[in-house]
Amino acid sequence: MRALMLTVAMFSSCIAGTALAQRSVHDQMNEMKSKYPQSFERCQALATSRGYRLNDGEYEARAVMMFIEGCIMGRQR
């Protein structure tokens, strides 16, 4: 019985993790923009000055998002 409950709990956590990971980059960027509007704009300008392209595909958008997130948290200068 315990093994069954453990299996169900692990399966549920895997499904929940997958659902959270599937949020689009666009949604994540909008969330950051709403939480940190001034920092977001400043970090986005820094990203473009360093050569990041804002309107490219999913891979590039994820790179820009990670750069902006790091900038907001103070890891980029």
C-alpha atoms as a PDB file:
ATOM      1  CA  MET A   1       0.000   0.000   0.000  1.00  0.00           C
ATOM      2  CA  ARG A   2       2.818   2.401   0.863  1.00  0.00           C
ATOM      3  CA  ALA A   3       4.581   1.602  -2.376  1.00  0.00           C
ATOM      4  CA  LEU A   4       1.430   2.395  -4.307  1.00  0.00           C
ATOM      5  CA  MET A   5       0.997   5.727  -2.503  1.00  0.00           C
ATOM      6  CA  LEU A   6       4.656   6.600  -3.101  1.00  0.00           C
ATOM      7  CA  THR A   7       4.308   5.767  -6.787  1.00  0.00           C
ATOM      8  CA  VAL A   8       1.186   7.903  -7.115  1.00  0.00           C
ATOM      9  CA  ALA A   9       2.887  10.818  -5.325  1.00  0.00           C
ATOM     10  CA  MET A  10       5.945  10.605  -7.572  1.00  0.00           C
ATOM     11  CA  PHE A  11       3.799  10.401 -10.702  1.00  0.00           C
ATOM     12  CA  SER A  12       1.751  13.421  -9.605  1.00  0.00           C
ATOM     13  CA  SER A  13       4.856  15.498  -8.962  1.00  0.00           C
ATOM     14  CA  CYS A  14       6.250  14.600 -12.388  1.00  0.00           C
ATOM     15  CA  ILE A  15       3.059  15.736 -14.098  1.00  0.00           C
ATOM     16  CA  ALA A  16       2.966  18.981 -12.117  1.00  0.00           C
ATOM     17  CA  GLY A  17       6.625  19.695 -12.920  1.00  0.00           C
ATOM     18  CA  THR A  18       6.019  19.125 -16.613  1.00  0.00           C
ATOM     19  CA  ALA A  19       2.999  21.427 -16.630  1.00  0.00           C
ATOM     20  CA  LEU A  20       4.977  24.221 -14.989  1.00  0.00           C
ATOM     21  CA  ALA A  21       7.881  23.755 -17.371  1.00  0.00           C
ATOM     22  CA  GLN A  22       5.597  24.190 -20.366  1.00  0.00           C
ATOM     23  CA  ARG A  23       4.824  27.843 -19.674  1.00  0.00           C
ATOM     24  CA  SER A  24       5.845  29.778 -22.713  1.00  0.00           C
ATOM     25  CA  VAL A  25       8.776  32.160 -22.715  1.00  0.00           C
ATOM     26  CA  HIS A  26       6.345  34.924 -23.621  1.00  0.00           C
ATOM     27  CA  ASP A  27       4.300  34.246 -20.467  1.00  0.00           C
ATOM     28  CA  GLN A  28       7.413  34.234 -18.312  1.00  0.00           C
ATOM     29  CA  MET A  29       8.640  37.496 -19.831  1.00  0.00           C
ATOM     30  CA  ASN A  30       5.253  39.131 -19.197  1.00  0.00           C
ATOM     31  CA  GLU A  31       5.361  37.941 -15.597  1.00  0.00           C
ATOM     32  CA  MET A  32       8.824  39.441 -15.073  1.00  0.00           C
ATOM     33  CA  LYS A  33       7.741  42.664 -16.772  1.00  0.00           C
ATOM     34  CA  SER A  34       4.756  43.015 -14.441  1.00  0.00           C
ATOM     35  CA  LYS A  35       6.785  42.241 -11.301  1.00  0.00           C
ATOM     36  CA  TYR A  36       9.806  44.426 -12.092  1.00  0.00           C
ATOM     37  CA  PRO A  37       8.758  47.020 -14.707  1.00  0.00           C
ATOM     38  CA  GLN A  38      11.680  49.453 -14.378  1.00  0.00           C
ATOM     39  CA  SER A  39      14.346  46.792 -13.960  1.00  0.00           C
ATOM     40  CA  PHE A  40      12.894  44.797 -16.827  1.00  0.00           C
ATOM     41  CA  GLU A  41      13.092  47.715 -19.264  1.00  0.00           C
ATOM     42  CA  ARG A  42      16.653  48.553 -18.190  1.00  0.00           C
ATOM     43  CA  CYS A  43      17.784  44.921 -18.459  1.00  0.00           C
ATOM     44  CA  GLN A  44      16.072  44.465 -21.818  1.00  0.00           C
ATOM     45  CA  ALA A  45      17.936  47.508 -23.139  1.00  0.00           C
ATOM     46  CA  LEU A  46      21.183  46.045 -21.800  1.00  0.00           C
ATOM     47  CA  ALA A  47      20.430  42.733 -23.527  1.00  0.00           C
ATOM     48  CA  THR A  48      19.870  44.412 -26.888  1.00  0.00           C
ATOM     49  CA  SER A  49      23.027  46.479 -26.478  1.00  0.00           C
ATOM     50  CA  ARG A  50      24.934  43.235 -25.961  1.00  0.00           C
ATOM     51  CA  GLY A  51      23.590  41.743 -29.182  1.00  0.00           C
ATOM     52  CA  TYR A  52      20.574  39.721 -28.071  1.00  0.00           C
ATOM     53  CA  ARG A  53      17.691  39.757 -30.541  1.00  0.00           C
ATOM     54  CA  LEU A  54      14.250  40.130 -29.018  1.00  0.00           C
ATOM     55  CA  ASN A  55      12.073  38.855 -31.867  1.00  0.00           C
ATOM     56  CA  ASP A  56      13.797  35.640 -32.880  1.00  0.00           C
ATOM     57  CA  GLY A  57      12.676  32.063 -32.255  1.00  0.00           C
ATOM     58  CA  GLU A  58      12.024  30.172 -29.039  1.00  0.00           C
ATOM     59  CA  TYR A  59      15.690  29.367 -28.365  1.00  0.00           C
ATOM     60  CA  GLU A  60      16.803  32.991 -28.681  1.00  0.00           C
ATOM     61  CA  ALA A  61      13.825  34.226 -26.659  1.00  0.00           C
ATOM     62  CA  ARG A  62      14.759  31.837 -23.844  1.00  0.00           C
ATOM     63  CA  ALA A  63      18.346  33.142 -23.899  1.00  0.00           C
ATOM     64  CA  VAL A  64      17.095  36.737 -23.678  1.00  0.00           C
ATOM     65  CA  MET A  65      14.741  35.801 -20.854  1.00  0.00           C
ATOM     66  CA  MET A  66      17.557  34.138 -18.915  1.00  0.00           C
ATOM     67  CA  PHE A  67      19.792  37.173 -19.439  1.00  0.00           C
ATOM     68  CA  ILE A  68      17.072  39.562 -18.258  1.00  0.00           C
ATOM     69  CA  GLU A  69      16.300  37.370 -15.260  1.00  0.00           C
ATOM     70  CA  GLY A  70      19.979  37.363 -14.305  1.00  0.00           C
ATOM     71  CA  CYS A  71      20.172  41.105 -14.798  1.00  0.00           C
ATOM     72  CA  ILE A  72      17.160  41.711 -12.560  1.00  0.00           C
ATOM     73  CA  MET A  73      18.708  39.520  -9.883  1.00  0.00           C
ATOM     74  CA  GLY A  74      21.958  41.481 -10.166  1.00  0.00           C
ATOM     75  CA  ARG A  75      24.127  38.886 -11.900  1.00  0.00           C
ATOM     76  CA  GLN A  76      24.704  40.923 -15.097  1.00  0.00           C
ATOM     77  CA  ARG A  77      26.466  44.270 -15.251  1.00  0.00           C
END
